[in-house]
Amino acid sequence: MIMWEIIAGMMVLALVLSWLPVRGLNYLSQEKARELVASKEEGRIKVLDVRDASDYEEAAGFPSINMSVGRLPYLWKDEFSPEDRVLLVGDSNRHIKKAARFLKRRGFKGLYAMQLRLERRALGTPEKTCGAGCP
């Protein structure tokens, strides 16, 4: 009985953490993100697309590195260092926050985010839908 209570408590904690803001994570519109990526003044920024490889496509026209949240703990050192500024891009705010928390624990300070689903709605771009003949 106690084990189930511990599991339920951990699930509630994970749910609460997914709603809490990440300190130091700055959300940007697509326009502001483009300006940030294009600016040379403050140094180079890397774009990390945290969607699964099956969902990945060029992130709103940005050259980006695709690394799902599940692979981030194993591969982040291959592409990033804590001195890098990183723009996190994804469809899920939960995945963006999870990646941001992971990177912050490793000493990253310049973290930005752009949620693609919100940007698609704002731009009037339809969500991807499956046409005839899809399973």
Protein backbone atom coordinates (compact mmCIF):
# COMPACT_ATOMS: atom_id res chain seq x y z
CA MET A 1 0.00 0.00 0.00
CA ILE A 2 2.76 2.46 0.88
CA MET A 3 4.55 1.77 -2.41
CA TRP A 4 1.47 2.88 -4.38
CA GLU A 5 1.32 6.07 -2.33
CA ILE A 6 4.97 6.79 -3.13
CA ILE A 7 4.39 6.15 -6.85
CA ALA A 8 1.29 8.38 -6.83
CA GLY A 9 3.25 11.12 -5.04
CA MET A 10 6.03 10.94 -7.62
CA MET A 11 3.49 11.20 -10.44
CA VAL A 12 1.90 14.26 -8.85
CA LEU A 13 5.34 15.83 -8.38
CA ALA A 14 6.21 15.21 -12.05
CA LEU A 15 2.90 16.76 -13.11
CA VAL A 16 3.44 19.84 -10.94
CA LEU A 17 7.00 20.27 -12.26
CA SER A 18 5.75 20.16 -15.84
CA TRP A 19 3.53 23.19 -15.09
CA LEU A 20 6.08 25.26 -13.19
CA PRO A 21 8.09 27.81 -15.16
CA VAL A 22 11.82 27.25 -15.64
CA ARG A 23 13.81 30.11 -14.19
CA GLY A 24 15.95 31.78 -16.85
CA LEU A 25 14.10 30.24 -19.83
CA ASN A 26 12.95 33.03 -22.16
CA TYR A 27 10.08 32.29 -24.55
CA LEU A 28 10.31 33.95 -27.94
CA SER A 29 7.96 34.45 -30.86
CA GLN A 30 9.11 33.11 -34.20
CA GLU A 31 10.06 36.63 -35.30
CA LYS A 32 12.17 37.27 -32.18
CA ALA A 33 13.76 33.83 -32.50
CA ARG A 34 14.75 34.58 -36.10
CA GLU A 35 16.32 37.87 -34.97
CA LEU A 36 18.23 36.09 -32.21
CA VAL A 37 19.55 33.38 -34.53
CA ALA A 38 20.52 35.98 -37.15
CA SER A 39 22.25 38.34 -34.69
CA LYS A 40 26.01 38.05 -34.62
CA GLU A 41 26.52 40.54 -31.78
CA GLU A 42 26.10 38.25 -28.79
CA GLY A 43 27.76 35.18 -30.26
CA ARG A 44 26.36 32.15 -31.96
CA ILE A 45 23.20 30.48 -30.78
CA LYS A 46 22.47 26.78 -31.36
CA VAL A 47 18.95 25.59 -32.11
CA LEU A 48 17.89 22.33 -30.45
CA ASP A 49 14.71 20.69 -31.76
CA VAL A 50 13.48 18.41 -28.96
CA ARG A 51 10.85 16.59 -31.02
CA ASP A 52 11.16 12.91 -31.86
CA ALA A 53 13.06 12.13 -35.05
CA SER A 54 9.81 11.01 -36.72
CA ASP A 55 8.28 14.46 -36.10
CA TYR A 56 11.39 16.45 -36.95
CA GLU A 57 11.56 18.79 -39.88
CA GLU A 58 13.54 21.99 -40.16
CA ALA A 59 12.42 24.02 -37.16
CA ALA A 60 10.56 26.96 -38.65
CA GLY A 61 13.32 27.43 -41.20
CA PHE A 62 16.15 27.39 -38.65
CA PRO A 63 19.11 25.10 -39.14
CA SER A 64 18.77 22.94 -36.04
CA ILE A 65 20.02 19.89 -34.21
CA ASN A 66 17.36 17.25 -33.60
CA MET A 67 17.69 15.46 -30.27
CA SER A 68 14.60 14.18 -28.51
CA VAL A 69 14.32 14.73 -24.76
CA GLY A 70 14.90 11.02 -24.14
CA ARG A 71 18.23 11.07 -26.00
CA LEU A 72 19.43 14.37 -24.54
CA PRO A 73 21.16 12.84 -21.46
CA TYR A 74 23.26 10.60 -23.69
CA LEU A 75 24.10 12.89 -26.62
CA TRP A 76 24.19 16.49 -25.36
CA LYS A 77 27.99 16.59 -24.95
CA ASP A 78 28.45 15.75 -28.64
CA GLU A 79 26.76 18.98 -29.76
CA PHE A 80 26.67 21.45 -26.86
CA SER A 81 28.75 22.97 -24.10
CA PRO A 82 27.48 25.02 -21.13
CA GLU A 83 28.89 28.19 -22.72
CA ASP A 84 26.51 27.83 -25.69
CA ARG A 85 23.31 29.78 -25.92
CA VAL A 86 20.52 27.38 -26.91
CA LEU A 87 17.12 27.97 -28.50
CA LEU A 88 14.85 25.03 -27.64
CA VAL A 89 12.20 24.30 -30.25
CA GLY A 90 9.37 21.79 -30.00
CA ASP A 91 5.66 21.10 -30.17
CA SER A 92 5.33 20.28 -26.48
CA ASN A 93 5.93 22.87 -23.77
CA ARG A 94 6.47 19.97 -21.36
CA HIS A 95 9.36 18.62 -23.47
CA ILE A 96 10.87 22.09 -23.83
CA LYS A 97 10.78 22.62 -20.06
CA LYS A 98 12.22 19.16 -19.40
CA ALA A 99 15.13 19.83 -21.78
CA ALA A 100 15.67 23.28 -20.25
CA ARG A 101 15.81 21.86 -16.72
CA PHE A 102 18.28 19.21 -17.88
CA LEU A 103 20.54 21.80 -19.52
CA LYS A 104 20.30 24.20 -16.55
CA ARG A 105 21.49 21.43 -14.21
CA ARG A 106 24.56 21.13 -16.44
CA GLY A 107 25.38 24.83 -16.19
CA PHE A 108 23.69 26.32 -19.28
CA LYS A 109 22.61 29.93 -18.76
CA GLY A 110 21.50 31.29 -22.15
CA LEU A 111 18.31 29.31 -22.74
CA TYR A 112 15.47 30.38 -25.02
CA ALA A 113 12.33 28.57 -26.18
CA MET A 114 9.90 28.66 -29.07
CA GLN A 115 6.87 26.38 -29.06
CA LEU A 116 6.05 25.47 -32.66
CA ARG A 117 2.41 24.55 -32.13
CA LEU A 118 1.62 28.03 -30.82
CA GLU A 119 3.54 29.64 -33.66
CA ARG A 120 1.62 27.63 -36.27
CA ARG A 121 -1.69 28.83 -34.83
CA ALA A 122 -0.49 32.45 -34.69
CA LEU A 123 0.67 32.32 -38.30
CA GLY A 124 -2.53 30.65 -39.48
CA THR A 125 -0.57 27.60 -40.65
CA PRO A 126 -2.70 24.48 -40.30
CA GLU A 127 -1.60 21.67 -38.03
CA LYS A 128 -0.41 18.56 -39.78
CA THR A 129 -3.28 16.22 -40.44
CA CYS A 130 -3.37 12.79 -41.90
CA GLY A 131 -5.04 12.63 -45.31
CA ALA A 132 -6.88 9.79 -46.98
CA GLY A 133 -5.10 6.47 -46.91
CA CYS A 134 -3.39 7.06 -43.54
CA PRO A 135 -3.59 4.29 -40.97
